[in-house]
N, C-alpha and C. Protein backbone atom coordinates (compact mmCIF):
# COMPACT_ATOMS: atom_id res chain seq x y z
N MET A 1 3.22 -8.37 0.89
CA MET A 1 2.33 -7.78 -0.11
C MET A 1 2.89 -8.00 -1.51
N TYR A 2 4.18 -7.78 -1.66
CA TYR A 2 4.78 -7.96 -2.98
C TYR A 2 4.71 -9.43 -3.41
N ASN A 3 4.91 -10.33 -2.44
CA ASN A 3 4.80 -11.76 -2.76
C ASN A 3 3.40 -12.11 -3.22
N ALA A 4 2.40 -11.60 -2.51
CA ALA A 4 1.01 -11.88 -2.89
C ALA A 4 0.74 -11.34 -4.29
N TYR A 5 1.28 -10.18 -4.59
CA TYR A 5 1.09 -9.61 -5.94
C TYR A 5 1.68 -10.55 -6.98
N ASN A 6 2.90 -11.01 -6.75
CA ASN A 6 3.55 -11.89 -7.72
C ASN A 6 2.78 -13.20 -7.88
N ILE A 7 2.30 -13.75 -6.76
CA ILE A 7 1.67 -15.07 -6.82
C ILE A 7 0.30 -14.99 -7.47
N PHE A 8 -0.51 -13.98 -7.12
CA PHE A 8 -1.90 -13.98 -7.57
C PHE A 8 -2.15 -13.08 -8.78
N LEU A 9 -1.67 -11.84 -8.72
CA LEU A 9 -2.07 -10.89 -9.76
C LEU A 9 -1.27 -11.07 -11.04
N TYR A 10 0.02 -11.36 -10.94
CA TYR A 10 0.83 -11.42 -12.16
C TYR A 10 0.36 -12.54 -13.09
N PRO A 11 0.13 -13.77 -12.60
CA PRO A 11 -0.36 -14.81 -13.51
C PRO A 11 -1.71 -14.44 -14.13
N ALA A 12 -2.58 -13.79 -13.37
CA ALA A 12 -3.89 -13.41 -13.92
C ALA A 12 -3.69 -12.39 -15.04
N ARG A 13 -2.79 -11.43 -14.84
CA ARG A 13 -2.55 -10.44 -15.89
C ARG A 13 -1.94 -11.10 -17.12
N MET A 14 -1.04 -12.04 -16.93
CA MET A 14 -0.43 -12.71 -18.08
C MET A 14 -1.49 -13.52 -18.83
N GLN A 15 -2.36 -14.20 -18.11
CA GLN A 15 -3.42 -14.97 -18.78
C GLN A 15 -4.32 -14.03 -19.57
N TYR A 16 -4.58 -12.83 -19.04
CA TYR A 16 -5.43 -11.87 -19.76
C TYR A 16 -4.75 -11.44 -21.05
N THR A 17 -3.45 -11.13 -20.98
CA THR A 17 -2.77 -10.69 -22.20
C THR A 17 -2.69 -11.84 -23.20
N TYR A 18 -2.44 -13.06 -22.72
CA TYR A 18 -2.41 -14.20 -23.64
C TYR A 18 -3.78 -14.39 -24.29
N ALA A 19 -4.84 -14.17 -23.54
CA ALA A 19 -6.19 -14.31 -24.10
C ALA A 19 -6.41 -13.25 -25.18
N GLN A 20 -5.93 -12.02 -24.94
CA GLN A 20 -6.06 -10.97 -25.96
C GLN A 20 -5.29 -11.35 -27.22
N ILE A 21 -4.05 -11.85 -27.03
CA ILE A 21 -3.24 -12.23 -28.20
C ILE A 21 -3.92 -13.35 -28.97
N ALA A 22 -4.44 -14.34 -28.25
CA ALA A 22 -5.12 -15.46 -28.91
C ALA A 22 -6.34 -14.97 -29.68
N ALA A 23 -7.08 -14.02 -29.10
CA ALA A 23 -8.26 -13.50 -29.80
C ALA A 23 -7.84 -12.80 -31.09
N LYS A 24 -6.75 -12.01 -31.04
CA LYS A 24 -6.29 -11.33 -32.25
C LYS A 24 -5.85 -12.34 -33.30
N LEU A 25 -5.15 -13.40 -32.86
CA LEU A 25 -4.71 -14.42 -33.81
C LEU A 25 -5.91 -15.11 -34.43
N ASN A 26 -6.94 -15.39 -33.63
CA ASN A 26 -8.13 -16.03 -34.16
C ASN A 26 -8.79 -15.15 -35.21
N VAL A 27 -8.83 -13.85 -34.98
CA VAL A 27 -9.43 -12.94 -35.95
C VAL A 27 -8.64 -12.99 -37.25
N HIS A 28 -7.31 -12.97 -37.16
CA HIS A 28 -6.49 -13.02 -38.38
C HIS A 28 -6.72 -14.34 -39.12
N GLU A 29 -6.82 -15.44 -38.39
CA GLU A 29 -7.05 -16.74 -39.03
C GLU A 29 -8.40 -16.75 -39.72
N GLU A 30 -9.42 -16.19 -39.07
CA GLU A 30 -10.75 -16.16 -39.69
C GLU A 30 -10.73 -15.31 -40.95
N LEU A 31 -10.03 -14.18 -40.93
CA LEU A 31 -9.94 -13.34 -42.13
C LEU A 31 -9.25 -14.10 -43.25
N ALA A 32 -8.19 -14.84 -42.93
CA ALA A 32 -7.48 -15.60 -43.95
C ALA A 32 -8.39 -16.66 -44.54
N ILE A 33 -9.18 -17.33 -43.70
CA ILE A 33 -10.10 -18.36 -44.19
C ILE A 33 -11.15 -17.73 -45.10
N ILE A 34 -11.67 -16.56 -44.71
CA ILE A 34 -12.68 -15.89 -45.54
C ILE A 34 -12.08 -15.49 -46.88
N LYS A 35 -10.85 -14.96 -46.88
CA LYS A 35 -10.20 -14.57 -48.13
C LYS A 35 -10.02 -15.78 -49.03
N GLU A 36 -9.58 -16.91 -48.45
CA GLU A 36 -9.40 -18.12 -49.25
C GLU A 36 -10.72 -18.57 -49.85
N ALA A 37 -11.79 -18.51 -49.05
CA ALA A 37 -13.10 -18.94 -49.55
C ALA A 37 -13.55 -18.04 -50.71
N ILE A 38 -13.28 -16.74 -50.60
CA ILE A 38 -13.68 -15.82 -51.68
C ILE A 38 -12.85 -16.11 -52.93
N LEU A 39 -11.55 -16.35 -52.76
CA LEU A 39 -10.68 -16.59 -53.92
C LEU A 39 -11.02 -17.90 -54.61
N LYS A 40 -11.52 -18.89 -53.86
CA LYS A 40 -11.81 -20.21 -54.45
C LYS A 40 -13.09 -20.20 -55.26
N ARG A 41 -13.92 -19.19 -55.10
CA ARG A 41 -15.20 -19.16 -55.81
C ARG A 41 -14.99 -19.09 -57.31
């Protein structure tokens, strides 16, 4: 049971957290792009 948990569930949980981190980074990048666009006007 513990082996199955490590093989199947742990990678899925890590991928989920990486997806959350990537989404947050994308939001920060979009905000930076918007700020730059406003400053360039």
